[in-house]
Every structure is written in C-alpha cells, then in structure tokens.
Amino acid sequence: IESYSILQTNSPQITQASEVIISLYSQLSTSQCLLYLIENHHNEYFQKSAMVGLQQVIKNNYESVSQSREFIQSILNLTIFEKSDFIRNNAIFYITEYFASEENLQQIFSFINNSAN
C-alpha cells in the first residue's frame, strides 16, 4: 500500500516505489495480497491498482496460476464483485484472456450456474 501511495504523489521516491511494485509482481505470493486488497480495502485507487497488478502477476506466473483451481476461483469471485464495475470487468477479461481453456471450462460453467441460482 505504501508503494501505491507514493505513486500518487510527486515524491522523488516514485522510481523506487515502481521498482518495488514491479519486483512484487514477479512473485506468485503477491497475488494473495492483491486479492485481499481488492476485496477488503475501501480506497478505490488501491483496489484498481491491485487489480491491474494482478494482471501482471498472472502474466509473470502464468504456468502456476493457470493450473490453480483456487486462483481461478478467486478471479471468478471477482466477476460478481458488487463494489466496482472496474473490478468486475477486468476479472471477466482475465478469465476470458487467460483462463478460458478446455481444462478450466467445467469450473467456469459451474461457477456461472451456481451464481445464477
């Protein structure tokens, strides 16, 4: 959160904060922090920043996340996130762009069916 906060300012620490954030995006474990931030933080800037960052984590760790049913379920849960169109729309994009494979279709269809009931 501190690095995201610095990015909102004209602080001379912007370059360092950017480097820290980029470094974090290379780590799969960052995804849990970003998901927590998206779901629980009330600041829209932090939520949006975390959602954009989540895409970078997906790109940087695709082999791991594409095979994780739990991770895919977390993204699916964001498709019905009530607080933000931005979060929902990006989650839908992530599902269609990164996870709409034959291996994941059953999980996606089950989620849609369960959400409709």
N, C-alpha and C. Protein backbone atom coordinates (compact mmCIF):
# COMPACT_ATOMS: atom_id res chain seq x y z
N ILE A 1 0.85 -1.19 0.00
CA ILE A 1 0.00 0.00 0.00
C ILE A 1 0.89 1.25 0.00
N GLU A 2 1.97 1.18 0.75
CA GLU A 2 2.86 2.35 0.81
C GLU A 2 3.40 2.71 -0.56
N SER A 3 3.80 1.71 -1.34
CA SER A 3 4.33 1.99 -2.68
C SER A 3 3.26 2.56 -3.59
N TYR A 4 2.05 2.02 -3.51
CA TYR A 4 0.95 2.59 -4.30
C TYR A 4 0.70 4.04 -3.89
N SER A 5 0.78 4.32 -2.60
CA SER A 5 0.57 5.68 -2.10
C SER A 5 1.61 6.64 -2.67
N ILE A 6 2.84 6.20 -2.71
CA ILE A 6 3.92 7.04 -3.24
C ILE A 6 3.67 7.37 -4.71
N LEU A 7 3.11 6.41 -5.45
CA LEU A 7 2.85 6.64 -6.88
C LEU A 7 1.83 7.75 -7.11
N GLN A 8 1.03 8.05 -6.11
CA GLN A 8 0.04 9.11 -6.23
C GLN A 8 0.63 10.50 -6.01
N THR A 9 1.88 10.57 -5.63
CA THR A 9 2.50 11.85 -5.28
C THR A 9 3.55 12.24 -6.31
N ASN A 10 4.16 13.38 -6.10
CA ASN A 10 5.30 13.81 -6.90
C ASN A 10 6.60 13.56 -6.14
N SER A 11 6.59 12.58 -5.28
CA SER A 11 7.73 12.25 -4.44
C SER A 11 8.92 11.78 -5.28
N PRO A 12 10.11 12.11 -4.84
CA PRO A 12 11.30 11.59 -5.53
C PRO A 12 11.44 10.08 -5.39
N GLN A 13 10.63 9.48 -4.54
CA GLN A 13 10.67 8.03 -4.32
C GLN A 13 9.83 7.24 -5.33
N ILE A 14 9.25 7.91 -6.31
CA ILE A 14 8.38 7.23 -7.28
C ILE A 14 9.13 6.12 -8.00
N THR A 15 10.33 6.38 -8.44
CA THR A 15 11.09 5.36 -9.17
C THR A 15 11.33 4.14 -8.29
N GLN A 16 11.73 4.37 -7.06
CA GLN A 16 11.97 3.27 -6.14
C GLN A 16 10.68 2.50 -5.85
N ALA A 17 9.57 3.21 -5.65
CA ALA A 17 8.29 2.56 -5.40
C ALA A 17 7.86 1.72 -6.60
N SER A 18 8.08 2.25 -7.80
CA SER A 18 7.76 1.49 -9.01
C SER A 18 8.57 0.22 -9.10
N GLU A 19 9.84 0.31 -8.78
CA GLU A 19 10.71 -0.87 -8.82
C GLU A 19 10.26 -1.92 -7.80
N VAL A 20 9.86 -1.48 -6.63
CA VAL A 20 9.38 -2.41 -5.60
C VAL A 20 8.12 -3.12 -6.10
N ILE A 21 7.21 -2.35 -6.66
CA ILE A 21 5.95 -2.93 -7.15
C ILE A 21 6.22 -3.93 -8.27
N ILE A 22 7.05 -3.56 -9.22
CA ILE A 22 7.37 -4.46 -10.33
C ILE A 22 8.01 -5.74 -9.81
N SER A 23 8.88 -5.62 -8.84
CA SER A 23 9.51 -6.79 -8.24
C SER A 23 8.46 -7.69 -7.57
N LEU A 24 7.53 -7.10 -6.87
CA LEU A 24 6.48 -7.88 -6.21
C LEU A 24 5.62 -8.63 -7.21
N TYR A 25 5.38 -8.02 -8.36
CA TYR A 25 4.53 -8.66 -9.37
C TYR A 25 5.16 -9.92 -9.94
N SER A 26 6.44 -10.10 -9.77
CA SER A 26 7.08 -11.31 -10.27
C SER A 26 6.88 -12.50 -9.32
N GLN A 27 6.38 -12.23 -8.13
CA GLN A 27 6.20 -13.26 -7.11
C GLN A 27 4.75 -13.72 -7.04
N LEU A 28 4.54 -15.00 -7.19
CA LEU A 28 3.19 -15.56 -7.14
C LEU A 28 2.48 -15.24 -5.83
N SER A 29 3.22 -15.24 -4.73
CA SER A 29 2.62 -14.99 -3.41
C SER A 29 1.97 -13.61 -3.32
N THR A 30 2.39 -12.70 -4.17
CA THR A 30 1.81 -11.35 -4.18
C THR A 30 0.33 -11.39 -4.54
N SER A 31 -0.08 -12.40 -5.29
CA SER A 31 -1.47 -12.48 -5.73
C SER A 31 -2.43 -12.49 -4.54
N GLN A 32 -2.07 -13.19 -3.47
CA GLN A 32 -2.95 -13.25 -2.30
C GLN A 32 -3.09 -11.87 -1.64
N CYS A 33 -2.01 -11.13 -1.58
CA CYS A 33 -2.06 -9.78 -1.02
C CYS A 33 -2.93 -8.87 -1.89
N LEU A 34 -2.77 -8.99 -3.19
CA LEU A 34 -3.55 -8.15 -4.11
C LEU A 34 -5.03 -8.51 -4.03
N LEU A 35 -5.34 -9.79 -3.98
CA LEU A 35 -6.75 -10.20 -3.85
C LEU A 35 -7.35 -9.68 -2.56
N TYR A 36 -6.59 -9.75 -1.48
CA TYR A 36 -7.07 -9.23 -0.21
C TYR A 36 -7.33 -7.72 -0.31
N LEU A 37 -6.41 -7.02 -0.92
CA LEU A 37 -6.55 -5.57 -1.08
C LEU A 37 -7.79 -5.23 -1.91
N ILE A 38 -8.00 -5.95 -2.98
CA ILE A 38 -9.16 -5.72 -3.85
C ILE A 38 -10.46 -5.95 -3.07
N GLU A 39 -10.51 -7.02 -2.36
CA GLU A 39 -11.76 -7.41 -1.69
C GLU A 39 -12.04 -6.64 -0.41
N ASN A 40 -11.00 -6.12 0.24
CA ASN A 40 -11.20 -5.58 1.59
C ASN A 40 -10.85 -4.11 1.78
N HIS A 41 -10.14 -3.53 0.85
CA HIS A 41 -9.76 -2.12 1.04
C HIS A 41 -10.87 -1.22 0.50
N HIS A 42 -11.09 -0.11 1.14
CA HIS A 42 -12.18 0.78 0.74
C HIS A 42 -11.73 1.90 -0.18
N ASN A 43 -10.45 2.00 -0.43
CA ASN A 43 -9.92 3.03 -1.31
C ASN A 43 -9.93 2.51 -2.75
N GLU A 44 -10.69 3.17 -3.60
CA GLU A 44 -10.85 2.73 -4.99
C GLU A 44 -9.52 2.73 -5.75
N TYR A 45 -8.68 3.72 -5.49
CA TYR A 45 -7.37 3.77 -6.16
C TYR A 45 -6.55 2.52 -5.85
N PHE A 46 -6.53 2.11 -4.57
CA PHE A 46 -5.78 0.92 -4.19
C PHE A 46 -6.38 -0.34 -4.81
N GLN A 47 -7.71 -0.40 -4.83
CA GLN A 47 -8.37 -1.56 -5.44
C GLN A 47 -8.03 -1.66 -6.93
N LYS A 48 -8.13 -0.55 -7.64
CA LYS A 48 -7.82 -0.55 -9.07
C LYS A 48 -6.36 -0.87 -9.33
N SER A 49 -5.49 -0.30 -8.54
CA SER A 49 -4.05 -0.57 -8.69
C SER A 49 -3.77 -2.04 -8.46
N ALA A 50 -4.39 -2.61 -7.44
CA ALA A 50 -4.19 -4.03 -7.15
C ALA A 50 -4.75 -4.90 -8.27
N MET A 51 -5.86 -4.49 -8.86
CA MET A 51 -6.44 -5.27 -9.95
C MET A 51 -5.53 -5.25 -11.18
N VAL A 52 -4.99 -4.11 -11.50
CA VAL A 52 -4.04 -4.01 -12.61
C VAL A 52 -2.79 -4.83 -12.29
N GLY A 53 -2.33 -4.75 -11.06
CA GLY A 53 -1.18 -5.52 -10.63
C GLY A 53 -1.42 -7.02 -10.71
N LEU A 54 -2.65 -7.42 -10.44
CA LEU A 54 -2.99 -8.83 -10.52
C LEU A 54 -2.77 -9.38 -11.93
N GLN A 55 -3.05 -8.57 -12.93
CA GLN A 55 -2.80 -9.00 -14.30
C GLN A 55 -1.31 -9.24 -14.52
N GLN A 56 -0.48 -8.38 -13.96
CA GLN A 56 0.96 -8.58 -14.10
C GLN A 56 1.42 -9.85 -13.40
N VAL A 57 0.85 -10.14 -12.24
CA VAL A 57 1.17 -11.38 -11.54
C VAL A 57 0.76 -12.58 -12.39
N ILE A 58 -0.41 -12.50 -13.01
CA ILE A 58 -0.87 -13.58 -13.89
C ILE A 58 0.10 -13.77 -15.04
N LYS A 59 0.47 -12.68 -15.69
CA LYS A 59 1.39 -12.77 -16.82
C LYS A 59 2.75 -13.34 -16.40
N ASN A 60 3.25 -12.89 -15.27
CA ASN A 60 4.58 -13.31 -14.81
C ASN A 60 4.61 -14.72 -14.25
N ASN A 61 3.46 -15.23 -13.84
CA ASN A 61 3.39 -16.55 -13.20
C ASN A 61 2.33 -17.44 -13.85
N TYR A 62 2.17 -17.28 -15.14
CA TYR A 62 1.06 -17.93 -15.84
C TYR A 62 1.04 -19.43 -15.65
N GLU A 63 2.16 -20.10 -15.75
CA GLU A 63 2.19 -21.56 -15.62
C GLU A 63 1.59 -22.00 -14.28
N SER A 64 1.93 -21.31 -13.23
CA SER A 64 1.42 -21.68 -11.90
C SER A 64 -0.05 -21.33 -11.73
N VAL A 65 -0.43 -20.11 -12.08
CA VAL A 65 -1.81 -19.68 -11.83
C VAL A 65 -2.81 -20.36 -12.76
N SER A 66 -2.39 -20.68 -13.98
CA SER A 66 -3.33 -21.27 -14.92
C SER A 66 -3.73 -22.69 -14.51
N GLN A 67 -2.97 -23.30 -13.64
CA GLN A 67 -3.29 -24.64 -13.18
C GLN A 67 -3.82 -24.67 -11.75
N SER A 68 -4.03 -23.51 -11.17
CA SER A 68 -4.51 -23.43 -9.80
C SER A 68 -6.01 -23.17 -9.77
N ARG A 69 -6.76 -24.19 -9.41
CA ARG A 69 -8.22 -24.04 -9.33
C ARG A 69 -8.60 -22.96 -8.31
N GLU A 70 -7.85 -22.87 -7.23
CA GLU A 70 -8.14 -21.87 -6.19
C GLU A 70 -7.94 -20.45 -6.73
N PHE A 71 -6.88 -20.26 -7.47
CA PHE A 71 -6.62 -18.94 -8.03
C PHE A 71 -7.71 -18.57 -9.03
N ILE A 72 -8.04 -19.50 -9.90
CA ILE A 72 -9.09 -19.24 -10.89
C ILE A 72 -10.41 -18.94 -10.19
N GLN A 73 -10.70 -19.66 -9.12
CA GLN A 73 -11.93 -19.40 -8.36
C GLN A 73 -11.91 -17.99 -7.77
N SER A 74 -10.76 -17.55 -7.31
CA SER A 74 -10.66 -16.18 -6.77
C SER A 74 -10.98 -15.14 -7.84
N ILE A 75 -10.49 -15.37 -9.05
CA ILE A 75 -10.79 -14.44 -10.15
C ILE A 75 -12.26 -14.52 -10.52
N LEU A 76 -12.81 -15.73 -10.56
CA LEU A 76 -14.24 -15.87 -10.85
C LEU A 76 -15.07 -15.12 -9.81
N ASN A 77 -14.68 -15.21 -8.55
CA ASN A 77 -15.42 -14.49 -7.50
C ASN A 77 -15.42 -12.99 -7.74
N LEU A 78 -14.35 -12.47 -8.32
CA LEU A 78 -14.30 -11.03 -8.60
C LEU A 78 -15.24 -10.63 -9.74
N THR A 79 -15.68 -11.59 -10.55
CA THR A 79 -16.61 -11.25 -11.64
C THR A 79 -17.98 -10.83 -11.11
N ILE A 80 -18.25 -11.11 -9.85
CA ILE A 80 -19.52 -10.69 -9.25
C ILE A 80 -19.30 -9.71 -8.09
N PHE A 81 -18.14 -9.06 -8.11
CA PHE A 81 -17.77 -8.08 -7.09
C PHE A 81 -18.72 -6.89 -7.18
N GLU A 82 -19.50 -6.67 -6.15
CA GLU A 82 -20.57 -5.68 -6.19
C GLU A 82 -20.10 -4.24 -6.14
N LYS A 83 -18.91 -4.00 -5.60
CA LYS A 83 -18.49 -2.63 -5.32
C LYS A 83 -17.93 -1.88 -6.51
N SER A 84 -17.56 -2.58 -7.62
CA SER A 84 -16.83 -1.89 -8.68
C SER A 84 -17.01 -2.54 -10.04
N ASP A 85 -17.49 -1.74 -10.98
CA ASP A 85 -17.56 -2.19 -12.38
C ASP A 85 -16.16 -2.48 -12.91
N PHE A 86 -15.20 -1.65 -12.53
CA PHE A 86 -13.82 -1.82 -12.99
C PHE A 86 -13.29 -3.20 -12.59
N ILE A 87 -13.52 -3.59 -11.35
CA ILE A 87 -13.04 -4.89 -10.86
C ILE A 87 -13.75 -6.01 -11.62
N ARG A 88 -15.07 -5.93 -11.72
CA ARG A 88 -15.82 -6.98 -12.43
C ARG A 88 -15.38 -7.10 -13.88
N ASN A 89 -15.29 -5.99 -14.57
CA ASN A 89 -14.93 -6.02 -15.99
C ASN A 89 -13.53 -6.58 -16.21
N ASN A 90 -12.59 -6.20 -15.37
CA ASN A 90 -11.24 -6.73 -15.50
C ASN A 90 -11.18 -8.21 -15.15
N ALA A 91 -11.92 -8.62 -14.15
CA ALA A 91 -11.96 -10.05 -13.80
C ALA A 91 -12.51 -10.87 -14.96
N ILE A 92 -13.55 -10.38 -15.59
CA ILE A 92 -14.11 -11.07 -16.76
C ILE A 92 -13.07 -11.13 -17.87
N PHE A 93 -12.37 -10.03 -18.09
CA PHE A 93 -11.31 -10.03 -19.10
C PHE A 93 -10.23 -11.05 -18.76
N TYR A 94 -9.81 -11.11 -17.51
CA TYR A 94 -8.76 -12.04 -17.12
C TYR A 94 -9.20 -13.49 -17.35
N ILE A 95 -10.46 -13.78 -17.02
CA ILE A 95 -10.98 -15.14 -17.23
C ILE A 95 -10.96 -15.47 -18.72
N THR A 96 -11.48 -14.57 -19.55
CA THR A 96 -11.55 -14.87 -20.99
C THR A 96 -10.18 -14.86 -21.64
N GLU A 97 -9.31 -13.99 -21.20
CA GLU A 97 -7.99 -13.85 -21.82
C GLU A 97 -7.01 -14.95 -21.37
N TYR A 98 -7.05 -15.31 -20.10
CA TYR A 98 -6.02 -16.18 -19.56
C TYR A 98 -6.50 -17.58 -19.14
N PHE A 99 -7.78 -17.71 -18.82
CA PHE A 99 -8.22 -18.96 -18.19
C PHE A 99 -9.32 -19.71 -18.94
N ALA A 100 -9.76 -19.23 -20.07
CA ALA A 100 -10.85 -19.88 -20.80
C ALA A 100 -10.32 -21.02 -21.66
N SER A 101 -9.68 -21.96 -21.01
CA SER A 101 -9.15 -23.13 -21.72
C SER A 101 -10.10 -24.30 -21.51
N GLU A 102 -9.91 -25.32 -22.29
CA GLU A 102 -10.75 -26.51 -22.17
C GLU A 102 -10.67 -27.12 -20.77
N GLU A 103 -9.48 -27.07 -20.18
CA GLU A 103 -9.30 -27.64 -18.83
C GLU A 103 -10.09 -26.88 -17.77
N ASN A 104 -10.33 -25.60 -17.99
CA ASN A 104 -11.00 -24.76 -16.98
C ASN A 104 -12.48 -24.53 -17.24
N LEU A 105 -12.97 -24.96 -18.40
CA LEU A 105 -14.36 -24.66 -18.74
C LEU A 105 -15.37 -25.23 -17.75
N GLN A 106 -15.15 -26.43 -17.25
CA GLN A 106 -16.08 -27.01 -16.29
C GLN A 106 -16.19 -26.14 -15.04
N GLN A 107 -15.06 -25.68 -14.54
CA GLN A 107 -15.06 -24.82 -13.36
C GLN A 107 -15.79 -23.51 -13.65
N ILE A 108 -15.54 -22.93 -14.80
CA ILE A 108 -16.19 -21.66 -15.17
C ILE A 108 -17.70 -21.86 -15.31
N PHE A 109 -18.13 -22.91 -16.01
CA PHE A 109 -19.56 -23.17 -16.17
C PHE A 109 -20.23 -23.46 -14.84
N SER A 110 -19.58 -24.20 -13.97
CA SER A 110 -20.15 -24.47 -12.65
C SER A 110 -20.33 -23.19 -11.86
N PHE A 111 -19.34 -22.31 -11.94
CA PHE A 111 -19.45 -21.04 -11.23
C PHE A 111 -20.64 -20.22 -11.75
N ILE A 112 -20.76 -20.15 -13.07
CA ILE A 112 -21.86 -19.39 -13.67
C ILE A 112 -23.21 -19.99 -13.25
N ASN A 113 -23.34 -21.30 -13.32
CA ASN A 113 -24.59 -21.95 -12.93
C ASN A 113 -24.91 -21.72 -11.47
N ASN A 114 -23.92 -21.84 -10.60
CA ASN A 114 -24.15 -21.63 -9.17
C ASN A 114 -24.46 -20.17 -8.86
N SER A 115 -23.88 -19.24 -9.60
CA SER A 115 -24.14 -17.82 -9.38
C SER A 115 -25.54 -17.42 -9.82
N ALA A 116 -26.05 -18.12 -10.80
CA ALA A 116 -27.38 -17.81 -11.33
C ALA A 116 -28.49 -18.32 -10.44
N ASN A 117 -28.16 -19.26 -9.57
CA ASN A 117 -29.20 -19.86 -8.69
C ASN A 117 -29.32 -19.14 -7.38
